[in-house]
N, C-alpha and C. Protein backbone atom coordinates (compact mmCIF):
# COMPACT_ATOMS: atom_id res chain seq x y z
N MET A 1 109.15 129.49 84.96
CA MET A 1 109.03 128.57 86.09
C MET A 1 108.26 128.89 87.05
N CYS A 2 107.71 127.77 87.49
CA CYS A 2 106.61 128.16 89.03
C CYS A 2 107.49 128.45 90.01
N GLY A 3 106.68 129.00 90.84
CA GLY A 3 107.28 128.61 92.63
C GLY A 3 107.23 127.57 93.06
N PRO A 4 107.31 127.72 94.31
CA PRO A 4 107.28 126.34 95.22
C PRO A 4 106.11 125.59 94.75
N ARG A 5 106.02 124.60 95.08
CA ARG A 5 104.61 123.87 95.47
C ARG A 5 104.01 124.31 96.41
N PRO A 6 102.83 124.34 96.85
CA PRO A 6 101.99 124.75 98.04
C PRO A 6 102.28 123.27 99.04
N ALA A 7 102.52 123.35 100.09
CA ALA A 7 102.70 122.69 100.89
C ALA A 7 101.19 121.47 101.03
N ARG A 8 101.69 120.52 101.08
CA ARG A 8 100.56 119.52 101.27
C ARG A 8 99.40 119.46 99.89
N LEU A 9 99.59 119.93 98.85
CA LEU A 9 98.93 119.69 97.78
C LEU A 9 98.59 118.31 97.25
N ARG A 10 97.41 117.94 97.14
CA ARG A 10 97.43 116.32 96.74
C ARG A 10 96.72 116.69 95.51
N LEU A 11 97.07 116.01 94.83
CA LEU A 11 96.54 115.70 93.26
C LEU A 11 96.22 114.31 93.48
N TRP A 12 94.89 114.17 93.32
CA TRP A 12 94.86 112.40 93.13
C TRP A 12 94.52 111.65 91.99
N THR A 13 94.57 112.27 90.78
CA THR A 13 94.23 111.78 89.45
C THR A 13 95.36 112.33 88.37
N LEU A 14 95.71 111.67 87.64
CA LEU A 14 96.95 112.21 86.65
C LEU A 14 96.04 113.43 85.82
N ALA A 15 94.92 113.28 85.56
CA ALA A 15 93.77 114.36 85.28
C ALA A 15 94.20 115.76 86.32
N ASP A 16 93.97 115.69 87.27
CA ASP A 16 94.28 116.84 88.33
C ASP A 16 96.15 117.08 88.07
N VAL A 17 96.90 116.28 87.92
CA VAL A 17 98.30 116.86 87.65
C VAL A 17 98.41 117.58 86.17
N PHE A 18 97.82 117.32 85.40
CA PHE A 18 97.98 118.07 84.08
C PHE A 18 97.16 119.45 84.38
N ALA A 19 96.04 119.34 84.91
CA ALA A 19 95.43 120.59 85.14
C ALA A 19 96.38 121.53 85.90
N TYR A 20 97.01 121.20 86.93
CA TYR A 20 97.51 122.03 87.73
C TYR A 20 98.81 122.25 86.66
N ALA A 21 99.50 121.45 86.13
CA ALA A 21 100.60 121.85 85.42
C ALA A 21 100.22 123.35 84.50
N GLN A 22 99.12 122.96 83.84
CA GLN A 22 98.61 123.85 82.78
C GLN A 22 98.29 124.95 83.33
N ALA A 23 97.67 125.06 84.58
CA ALA A 23 97.38 126.35 84.86
C ALA A 23 98.81 127.18 85.71
N GLU A 24 99.84 126.12 86.12
CA GLU A 24 101.26 126.89 86.75
C GLU A 24 102.10 126.96 85.71
N GLY A 25 101.96 126.62 84.58
CA GLY A 25 102.91 126.37 83.31
C GLY A 25 104.22 125.50 83.57
N ILE A 26 104.09 124.47 84.06
CA ILE A 26 104.94 123.48 84.74
C ILE A 26 104.92 122.50 83.85
N GLU A 27 106.36 122.37 83.56
CA GLU A 27 107.23 120.91 82.71
C GLU A 27 107.01 119.72 83.65
N LEU A 28 106.13 118.81 83.24
CA LEU A 28 106.45 117.45 84.31
C LEU A 28 107.48 116.82 83.78
N ARG A 29 107.82 115.57 84.87
CA ARG A 29 108.92 114.81 84.72
C ARG A 29 108.13 113.10 84.91
N LEU A 30 108.11 112.31 84.23
CA LEU A 30 107.40 111.01 84.67
C LEU A 30 108.39 109.78 84.54
N ASP A 31 108.16 109.04 85.19
CA ASP A 31 109.01 107.80 85.13
C ASP A 31 108.18 106.54 86.18
N ALA A 32 108.77 105.45 86.00
CA ALA A 32 108.17 104.66 86.58
C ALA A 32 109.33 103.86 87.56
N THR A 33 109.20 103.17 88.75
CA THR A 33 109.73 102.35 89.47
C THR A 33 109.28 101.28 89.60
N GLU A 34 110.25 100.06 90.40
CA GLU A 34 109.70 98.84 90.38
C GLU A 34 110.09 98.45 92.06
N VAL A 35 108.99 97.65 92.62
CA VAL A 35 109.29 97.50 94.01
C VAL A 35 109.53 95.95 94.25
N GLN A 36 110.26 95.21 94.63
CA GLN A 36 110.21 93.76 94.46
C GLN A 36 109.07 93.48 95.85
N VAL A 37 108.40 92.18 95.46
CA VAL A 37 107.35 91.93 96.23
C VAL A 37 107.39 90.57 96.31
N PRO A 38 106.74 89.78 97.08
CA PRO A 38 106.46 88.14 97.49
C PRO A 38 106.16 87.86 95.95
N ARG A 39 106.59 86.57 95.98
CA ARG A 39 105.97 85.89 94.77
C ARG A 39 105.10 85.15 95.11
N PRO A 40 104.02 85.33 94.22
CA PRO A 40 102.62 84.42 94.52
C PRO A 40 102.68 83.21 94.57
N LEU A 41 101.79 82.77 95.24
CA LEU A 41 101.87 81.31 95.70
C LEU A 41 101.75 80.53 94.13
N ALA A 42 102.20 79.25 94.56
CA ALA A 42 101.88 78.22 93.39
C ALA A 42 100.54 77.97 92.91
N GLY A 43 100.35 77.66 91.76
CA GLY A 43 98.83 77.27 91.38
C GLY A 43 97.81 78.98 91.47
N ARG A 44 98.28 79.70 91.94
CA ARG A 44 97.37 80.74 91.56
C ARG A 44 97.46 81.59 90.57
N GLY A 45 96.28 82.04 89.67
CA GLY A 45 96.49 82.58 88.61
C GLY A 45 97.22 83.89 88.45
N GLY A 46 97.60 83.97 87.39
CA GLY A 46 98.33 85.27 87.42
C GLY A 46 99.36 85.52 87.77
N ARG A 47 100.31 84.44 87.92
CA ARG A 47 101.61 84.51 88.40
C ARG A 47 102.57 85.19 87.81
N ARG A 48 102.57 85.12 86.28
CA ARG A 48 103.71 85.44 85.68
C ARG A 48 103.18 87.00 85.36
N ALA A 49 102.18 87.57 85.78
CA ALA A 49 102.04 89.25 85.63
C ALA A 49 102.90 89.82 86.44
N PHE A 50 103.45 89.55 87.42
CA PHE A 50 104.14 89.94 88.54
C PHE A 50 105.72 90.02 88.01
N VAL A 51 106.06 89.14 87.28
CA VAL A 51 107.60 88.77 86.78
C VAL A 51 108.12 90.04 85.90
N SER A 52 108.96 90.74 86.16
CA SER A 52 109.55 92.11 85.73
C SER A 52 110.50 91.42 84.43
N GLY A 53 110.31 92.08 83.37
CA GLY A 53 111.40 91.43 82.45
C GLY A 53 112.73 91.99 82.54
N LYS A 54 112.51 93.34 82.98
CA LYS A 54 113.81 94.10 83.42
C LYS A 54 114.66 93.87 84.35
N LYS A 55 113.60 93.30 85.88
CA LYS A 55 114.55 93.21 86.91
C LYS A 55 114.61 91.57 87.13
N LYS A 56 113.66 90.52 86.54
CA LYS A 56 113.71 89.10 86.63
C LYS A 56 113.25 88.78 87.75
N GLN A 57 112.66 89.54 88.62
CA GLN A 57 112.28 89.13 89.60
C GLN A 57 110.69 89.45 89.88
N ASN A 58 110.13 89.21 91.04
CA ASN A 58 108.45 89.76 91.09
C ASN A 58 108.21 91.11 91.69
N THR A 59 107.57 92.06 91.05
CA THR A 59 107.71 93.40 91.73
C THR A 59 106.48 93.78 90.98
N MET A 60 106.20 95.10 91.41
CA MET A 60 105.06 95.98 91.18
C MET A 60 105.45 97.38 90.64
N LYS A 61 104.90 98.11 90.00
CA LYS A 61 105.59 99.38 89.23
C LYS A 61 104.84 100.47 89.54
N ALA A 62 105.49 101.01 89.80
CA ALA A 62 104.80 102.69 90.23
C ALA A 62 105.28 103.55 89.02
N THR A 63 104.17 104.42 88.79
CA THR A 63 104.30 105.43 87.90
C THR A 63 104.38 107.03 89.01
N VAL A 64 105.39 107.73 88.48
CA VAL A 64 105.37 108.74 89.52
C VAL A 64 105.73 110.12 88.55
N VAL A 65 104.94 110.94 88.99
CA VAL A 65 105.23 112.50 88.24
C VAL A 65 105.74 113.41 89.31
N ALA A 66 106.78 114.17 89.00
CA ALA A 66 107.24 115.13 89.69
C ALA A 66 107.59 116.21 88.58
N TYR A 67 108.04 117.41 89.35
CA TYR A 67 108.73 118.54 88.34
C TYR A 67 109.72 119.24 88.47
N HIS A 68 110.06 120.59 88.26
CA HIS A 68 111.63 120.62 87.90
C HIS A 68 111.99 120.66 89.69
N GLN A 69 111.63 120.90 90.96
CA GLN A 69 112.31 120.78 91.78
C GLN A 69 112.50 119.54 92.71
N GLY A 70 111.87 118.81 91.95
CA GLY A 70 111.87 117.41 92.35
C GLY A 70 111.02 116.85 93.52
N HIS A 71 109.69 117.71 93.55
CA HIS A 71 108.84 117.07 94.13
C HIS A 71 107.58 115.87 93.65
N THR A 72 107.20 115.02 94.27
CA THR A 72 106.41 114.07 94.01
C THR A 72 105.23 114.57 93.94
N LEU A 73 104.55 114.76 92.22
CA LEU A 73 102.71 115.17 92.66
C LEU A 73 102.02 114.64 92.55
N TRP A 74 102.38 113.26 91.98
CA TRP A 74 101.50 111.89 92.04
C TRP A 74 102.12 110.97 91.59
N THR A 75 101.13 109.74 92.64
CA THR A 75 101.78 108.71 92.03
C THR A 75 100.57 107.66 91.63
N ASP A 76 100.63 106.73 90.95
CA ASP A 76 99.56 105.93 90.21
C ASP A 76 99.06 104.67 91.37
N ALA A 77 98.14 104.05 91.12
CA ALA A 77 97.79 102.64 91.85
C ALA A 77 99.14 101.47 91.82
N LEU A 78 99.51 101.53 91.01
CA LEU A 78 100.89 100.33 90.97
C LEU A 78 99.80 99.43 90.13
N ARG A 79 101.07 98.66 89.30
CA ARG A 79 100.70 97.85 88.33
C ARG A 79 101.69 96.61 88.50
N PRO A 80 101.09 95.11 88.05
CA PRO A 80 101.98 94.14 88.27
C PRO A 80 103.77 94.41 87.68
N GLY A 81 104.49 94.28 87.81
CA GLY A 81 105.79 94.75 87.20
C GLY A 81 105.97 93.93 85.62
N ARG A 82 105.38 93.37 85.13
CA ARG A 82 105.27 92.34 83.91
C ARG A 82 105.10 93.60 82.72
N MET A 83 104.18 94.64 83.25
CA MET A 83 103.53 95.48 82.42
C MET A 83 104.56 96.88 81.92
N HIS A 84 104.41 97.19 80.51
CA HIS A 84 105.48 98.08 80.35
C HIS A 84 105.08 99.32 80.75
N ASP A 85 106.40 100.02 80.82
CA ASP A 85 106.20 101.49 81.66
C ASP A 85 105.05 102.12 80.96
N ALA A 86 104.99 102.36 79.30
CA ALA A 86 104.02 103.47 78.68
C ALA A 86 102.61 102.73 78.82
N THR A 87 102.34 101.38 79.05
CA THR A 87 101.29 100.66 79.06
C THR A 87 100.49 101.06 80.46
N ALA A 88 101.60 101.28 81.54
CA ALA A 88 101.12 101.66 82.72
C ALA A 88 100.67 103.11 83.00
N ALA A 89 101.21 104.03 82.23
CA ALA A 89 100.82 105.36 81.80
C ALA A 89 99.59 105.50 81.21
N ARG A 90 99.63 104.51 80.39
CA ARG A 90 98.16 104.86 79.30
C ARG A 90 96.93 104.29 80.01
N ASN A 91 97.25 103.29 81.18
CA ASN A 91 96.23 102.74 82.05
C ASN A 91 95.72 103.58 82.80
N GLU A 92 96.62 104.76 83.30
CA GLU A 92 96.20 106.02 84.06
C GLU A 92 95.40 107.11 83.45
N GLY A 93 95.44 106.92 82.17
CA GLY A 93 94.68 107.99 81.40
C GLY A 93 95.41 109.21 80.64
N ILE A 94 96.91 108.77 80.53
CA ILE A 94 97.55 109.71 79.99
C ILE A 94 97.56 110.39 78.23
N ASP A 95 96.85 109.56 77.75
CA ASP A 95 96.71 109.72 76.43
C ASP A 95 95.55 110.79 76.49
N THR A 96 94.44 110.73 77.24
CA THR A 96 93.33 111.30 77.71
C THR A 96 93.74 112.92 78.04
N CYS A 97 94.83 112.97 78.79
CA CYS A 97 95.32 113.92 79.65
C CYS A 97 95.73 115.11 78.63
N SER A 98 96.62 113.97 77.83
CA SER A 98 97.56 115.11 76.58
C SER A 98 96.40 115.40 75.52
N ARG A 99 95.22 115.17 75.26
CA ARG A 99 94.55 115.58 74.25
C ARG A 99 93.54 116.93 75.14
N HIS A 100 93.34 116.36 76.01
CA HIS A 100 92.50 117.91 76.99
C HIS A 100 93.69 118.76 77.48
N PHE A 101 94.62 118.54 77.60
CA PHE A 101 95.74 119.71 78.07
C PHE A 101 97.01 119.78 77.18
N PRO A 102 96.52 120.30 75.90
CA PRO A 102 97.77 120.31 75.02
C PRO A 102 99.16 121.15 74.91
N ASP A 103 98.99 121.93 76.21
CA ASP A 103 100.23 123.04 76.49
C ASP A 103 101.35 122.00 77.58
N VAL A 104 100.75 120.87 77.84
CA VAL A 104 101.45 120.45 78.92
C VAL A 104 102.56 119.63 78.39
N GLN A 105 103.93 119.65 78.70
CA GLN A 105 104.87 119.08 78.32
C GLN A 105 105.36 117.98 79.62
N VAL A 106 105.70 116.87 78.88
CA VAL A 106 105.90 115.81 79.99
C VAL A 106 107.50 115.42 79.34
N LEU A 107 108.71 115.19 80.18
CA LEU A 107 110.05 114.64 79.95
C LEU A 107 109.77 113.28 80.21
N LEU A 108 110.06 112.69 79.52
CA LEU A 108 110.11 111.02 79.53
C LEU A 108 111.35 110.26 78.93
N ASP A 109 111.73 109.06 79.45
CA ASP A 109 113.01 108.56 79.09
C ASP A 109 112.73 107.51 77.70
N ASP A 110 113.67 106.92 77.38
CA ASP A 110 113.77 106.27 75.87
C ASP A 110 112.56 104.99 76.18
N GLY A 111 111.95 104.69 77.14
CA GLY A 111 110.96 103.64 77.70
C GLY A 111 109.64 104.14 77.17
N TYR A 112 109.47 105.35 76.64
CA TYR A 112 107.91 105.91 76.16
C TYR A 112 108.19 106.37 74.98
N LEU A 113 108.69 105.74 73.94
CA LEU A 113 108.75 106.45 72.82
C LEU A 113 107.64 106.12 72.10
N GLY A 114 106.74 105.32 72.36
CA GLY A 114 105.50 105.43 71.81
C GLY A 114 104.81 106.42 72.14
N LEU A 115 104.67 106.99 73.39
CA LEU A 115 103.89 108.15 73.93
C LEU A 115 104.33 109.37 72.89
N ARG A 116 105.52 109.33 72.56
CA ARG A 116 106.23 110.55 71.81
C ARG A 116 105.66 110.65 70.40
N ARG A 117 105.80 108.96 69.62
CA ARG A 117 105.13 108.83 68.79
C ARG A 117 103.46 109.62 68.55
N ASP A 118 102.80 109.20 69.37
CA ASP A 118 101.44 109.55 69.82
C ASP A 118 101.19 110.83 70.13
N HIS A 119 101.85 111.65 70.79
CA HIS A 119 101.48 112.94 71.49
C HIS A 119 103.00 113.65 71.29
N PRO A 120 103.22 114.17 69.71
CA PRO A 120 104.77 114.51 69.51
C PRO A 120 104.70 116.21 69.99
N GLY A 121 105.51 116.87 70.53
CA GLY A 121 105.71 118.03 71.18
C GLY A 121 105.01 118.12 72.39
N GLU A 122 104.46 116.84 72.91
CA GLU A 122 103.71 117.11 74.46
C GLU A 122 104.71 115.98 75.22
N ALA A 123 104.62 114.97 74.54
CA ALA A 123 105.86 113.64 75.30
C ALA A 123 107.10 113.91 74.96
N VAL A 124 107.96 114.05 75.45
CA VAL A 124 109.24 114.78 74.99
C VAL A 124 110.52 113.62 75.74
N THR A 125 110.67 112.62 74.79
CA THR A 125 111.83 111.65 75.20
C THR A 125 113.40 112.26 74.23
N PRO A 126 114.21 111.62 74.98
CA PRO A 126 115.51 112.11 74.38
C PRO A 126 115.85 111.79 72.98
N PRO A 127 116.66 112.67 72.21
CA PRO A 127 116.93 112.62 70.70
C PRO A 127 117.42 111.01 70.47
N ARG A 128 116.98 110.44 69.58
CA ARG A 128 117.64 109.04 69.17
C ARG A 128 119.22 109.28 69.17
N LYS A 129 119.74 108.07 69.40
CA LYS A 129 121.49 108.01 69.65
C LYS A 129 121.60 108.03 67.98
N GLY A 130 122.77 109.03 67.84
CA GLY A 130 123.42 108.95 66.01
C GLY A 130 123.89 107.54 65.46
N ASN A 131 123.82 107.59 64.24
CA ASN A 131 124.39 106.53 63.61
C ASN A 131 125.73 106.51 63.71
N LYS A 132 126.39 105.40 63.82
CA LYS A 132 128.04 105.58 63.81
C LYS A 132 128.76 105.97 62.49
N ILE A 133 127.79 105.98 61.59
CA ILE A 133 128.16 106.80 59.84
C ILE A 133 127.87 107.82 59.64
N ASN A 134 127.42 108.72 61.00
CA ASN A 134 127.20 110.27 60.87
C ASN A 134 128.47 110.84 61.08
N PRO A 135 128.48 112.24 60.61
CA PRO A 135 129.87 112.90 60.86
C PRO A 135 130.01 112.87 62.54
N PRO A 136 130.91 113.15 62.88
CA PRO A 136 131.11 113.36 64.46
C PRO A 136 130.84 114.57 64.98
N GLU A 137 130.71 115.73 64.18
CA GLU A 137 129.82 116.85 64.97
C GLU A 137 128.25 116.47 64.99
N VAL A 138 127.74 115.45 64.35
CA VAL A 138 126.42 115.51 64.69
C VAL A 138 126.31 114.44 65.68
N LEU A 139 126.94 113.58 65.64
CA LEU A 139 127.30 112.61 66.89
C LEU A 139 127.33 113.24 68.19
N GLU A 140 128.21 114.54 67.90
CA GLU A 140 128.67 115.08 69.49
C GLU A 140 127.45 116.17 69.74
N ALA A 141 126.37 116.66 68.52
CA ALA A 141 125.41 117.28 68.86
C ALA A 141 124.44 116.70 69.48
N GLY A 142 124.44 115.40 68.87
CA GLY A 142 123.16 114.48 69.62
C GLY A 142 123.35 113.92 71.08
N LEU A 143 124.67 113.97 71.51
CA LEU A 143 125.17 113.52 72.71
C LEU A 143 124.77 114.58 73.89
N ARG A 144 125.37 115.76 73.16
CA ARG A 144 124.68 117.25 74.11
C ARG A 144 123.52 117.39 74.27
N ALA A 145 122.36 117.01 73.22
CA ALA A 145 120.97 117.16 73.34
C ALA A 145 120.35 116.12 74.39
N ARG A 146 121.17 114.85 74.27
CA ARG A 146 120.91 113.87 75.31
C ARG A 146 121.21 114.10 76.85
N HIS A 147 122.25 114.66 76.68
CA HIS A 147 122.63 115.09 78.10
C HIS A 147 121.54 116.21 78.89
N ARG A 148 121.75 117.40 78.02
CA ARG A 148 120.38 118.33 78.33
C ARG A 148 119.48 117.76 78.56
N HIS A 149 118.72 116.84 77.91
CA HIS A 149 117.55 116.23 78.24
C HIS A 149 117.59 115.36 79.84
N SER A 150 118.40 114.53 79.68
CA SER A 150 119.03 113.89 81.23
C SER A 150 118.90 114.83 82.35
N SER A 151 119.77 116.03 81.89
CA SER A 151 119.69 116.75 83.14
C SER A 151 118.26 117.37 83.76
N LYS A 152 117.41 117.52 82.84
CA LYS A 152 116.46 118.25 83.17
C LYS A 152 115.41 117.29 83.83
N ARG A 153 115.49 116.07 83.30
CA ARG A 153 114.49 114.92 83.75
C ARG A 153 115.27 114.10 85.05
N ILE A 154 116.18 114.39 85.64
CA ILE A 154 116.88 113.71 86.83
C ILE A 154 116.10 114.16 87.86
N THR A 155 115.19 115.05 87.87
CA THR A 155 114.38 115.64 89.04
C THR A 155 113.52 114.39 89.57
N VAL A 156 113.01 113.56 88.44
CA VAL A 156 111.69 112.43 88.76
C VAL A 156 112.81 111.52 89.55
N GLU A 157 113.94 111.19 88.87
CA GLU A 157 115.09 110.13 89.46
C GLU A 157 115.36 110.57 90.94
N HIS A 158 115.55 111.68 91.44
CA HIS A 158 115.62 111.85 92.63
C HIS A 158 114.43 111.61 93.59
N ALA A 159 113.34 112.14 93.09
CA ALA A 159 111.85 111.72 93.81
C ALA A 159 111.77 110.38 93.92
N LEU A 160 112.13 109.57 93.12
CA LEU A 160 112.21 108.33 93.33
C LEU A 160 113.22 107.63 94.43
N ALA A 161 114.30 108.23 94.29
CA ALA A 161 115.26 107.55 95.13
C ALA A 161 115.00 108.05 96.31
N ASP A 162 114.14 109.00 96.65
CA ASP A 162 113.64 109.70 97.93
C ASP A 162 112.53 108.38 98.62
N HIS A 163 111.77 108.03 97.91
CA HIS A 163 110.92 107.08 97.93
C HIS A 163 111.44 105.77 98.59
N LYS A 164 112.66 105.42 97.68
CA LYS A 164 113.28 104.22 97.93
C LYS A 164 114.43 104.31 99.34
N ARG A 165 114.22 105.69 99.87
CA ARG A 165 114.99 105.62 100.96
C ARG A 165 114.29 104.89 102.58
N TRP A 166 113.27 104.59 102.18
CA TRP A 166 112.29 104.19 103.03
C TRP A 166 112.39 102.40 102.85
N LYS A 167 113.01 101.84 104.00
CA LYS A 167 113.10 100.44 103.68
C LYS A 167 111.91 99.36 103.23
N GLN A 168 110.82 99.68 103.34
CA GLN A 168 109.58 99.21 103.03
C GLN A 168 109.62 99.04 101.54
N LEU A 169 109.87 100.21 101.01
CA LEU A 169 109.80 100.48 99.17
C LEU A 169 111.02 99.89 98.81
N ALA A 170 111.98 99.59 99.39
CA ALA A 170 113.30 98.71 98.79
C ALA A 170 113.03 97.55 98.41
N ARG A 171 112.15 96.77 99.29
CA ARG A 171 111.92 95.34 98.95
C ARG A 171 110.63 95.25 100.25
N TRP A 172 109.37 94.90 99.33
CA TRP A 172 107.96 94.54 100.00
C TRP A 172 107.76 93.24 100.64
N THR A 173 107.99 93.17 102.09
CA THR A 173 107.60 91.60 102.45
C THR A 173 106.20 91.55 103.29
N HIS A 174 105.32 92.34 102.80
CA HIS A 174 104.01 91.98 102.98
C HIS A 174 102.93 91.55 102.06
N ARG A 175 101.73 91.57 102.06
CA ARG A 175 100.99 91.43 100.98
C ARG A 175 101.18 92.51 99.97
N ARG A 176 100.68 91.51 98.65
CA ARG A 176 101.13 92.67 97.66
C ARG A 176 99.71 94.00 97.64
N GLU A 177 98.79 93.17 98.01
CA GLU A 177 97.66 94.27 97.62
C GLU A 177 97.48 95.34 98.89
N THR A 178 98.46 95.41 99.68
CA THR A 178 98.55 96.48 100.56
C THR A 178 99.93 97.62 100.18
N LEU A 179 100.67 97.15 98.94
CA LEU A 179 101.84 97.90 98.89
C LEU A 179 101.10 99.24 98.21
N PRO A 180 100.14 99.30 97.37
CA PRO A 180 99.88 100.55 96.81
C PRO A 180 98.97 101.70 97.65
N ALA A 181 98.61 101.38 98.65
CA ALA A 181 98.21 101.91 99.66
C ALA A 181 99.45 103.10 100.48
N THR A 182 100.35 102.06 101.08
CA THR A 182 101.87 102.09 101.66
C THR A 182 102.39 102.91 100.82
N TYR A 183 102.49 103.15 99.38
CA TYR A 183 103.41 103.65 98.58
C TYR A 183 103.19 105.16 98.61
N GLN A 184 101.58 105.18 98.50
CA GLN A 184 100.89 106.43 98.34
C GLN A 184 101.26 107.42 99.59
N ALA A 185 101.10 106.38 100.86
CA ALA A 185 101.09 107.27 101.90
C ALA A 185 102.47 107.54 102.45
N ILE A 186 103.33 107.05 101.56
CA ILE A 186 105.14 107.42 101.89
C ILE A 186 105.36 108.76 101.06
N ALA A 187 104.70 108.80 100.03
CA ALA A 187 105.17 109.58 98.83
C ALA A 187 104.80 110.72 98.86
N GLY A 188 103.55 110.99 99.76
CA GLY A 188 102.87 112.25 99.81
C GLY A 188 103.64 112.98 101.12
N PRO A 189 104.04 112.38 102.06
CA PRO A 189 104.75 113.16 103.43
C PRO A 189 106.21 113.23 102.84
N VAL A 190 106.72 112.50 102.41
CA VAL A 190 108.34 112.58 101.64
C VAL A 190 108.13 113.83 101.00
N SER A 191 107.41 114.03 99.76
CA SER A 191 107.19 115.30 99.18
C SER A 191 107.18 116.56 99.79
N ASP A 192 106.08 116.50 100.89
CA ASP A 192 105.79 117.39 101.68
C ASP A 192 106.87 118.07 102.66
N ARG A 193 107.83 117.15 102.91
CA ARG A 193 108.95 117.27 104.03
C ARG A 193 110.17 118.33 103.18
N HIS A 194 109.98 117.88 101.68
CA HIS A 194 110.87 118.72 100.82
C HIS A 194 110.54 119.87 100.66
N THR A 195 109.09 120.04 100.46
CA THR A 195 108.40 121.32 100.34
C THR A 195 108.91 122.18 101.33
N THR A 196 108.44 122.02 102.64
CA THR A 196 108.39 122.77 104.05
C THR A 196 109.97 122.77 104.49
N GLY A 197 110.81 122.04 103.95
CA GLY A 197 112.22 122.11 104.57
C GLY A 197 113.02 122.89 104.17
């Protein structure tokens, strides 16, 4: 395990995050969250791109990387809410990063099974749920393994929750184009506060 993250460390790209993680021996946690945004005006092109299939609302999706202490290391430029979590990560270059930094493990949830398939041993998702016809001891072992994975990955959920404590990120009421810069401006100081506190 690494020591505390240096205060005010800024990692501007996902490649920076992977390079830092490999140098420090850090296991990363990656997840996405959605922020509700105003509905685009009628007649505007690309209106459906912001409709989240999960939330059934107009949203923008932020991909966030944290590590075991729950500090935010990086957040992306935000994508329309309709985009799949794994696609958003791919658009930020996670495939290239995995090839260049093969020693870095990233803990993910079940929404990133495609990344696990393409990068076995590096992109780590929870074990698949057992089939009901499996013996009870196999089902129990699978549940324990999923719980262990969830317990390690929970720090990125805490990082996302820290961001959402800011009322602006619970529901964005301004122009959608200004949300990415605001999200990143909030995520940095929130992480610094936890580092220096």
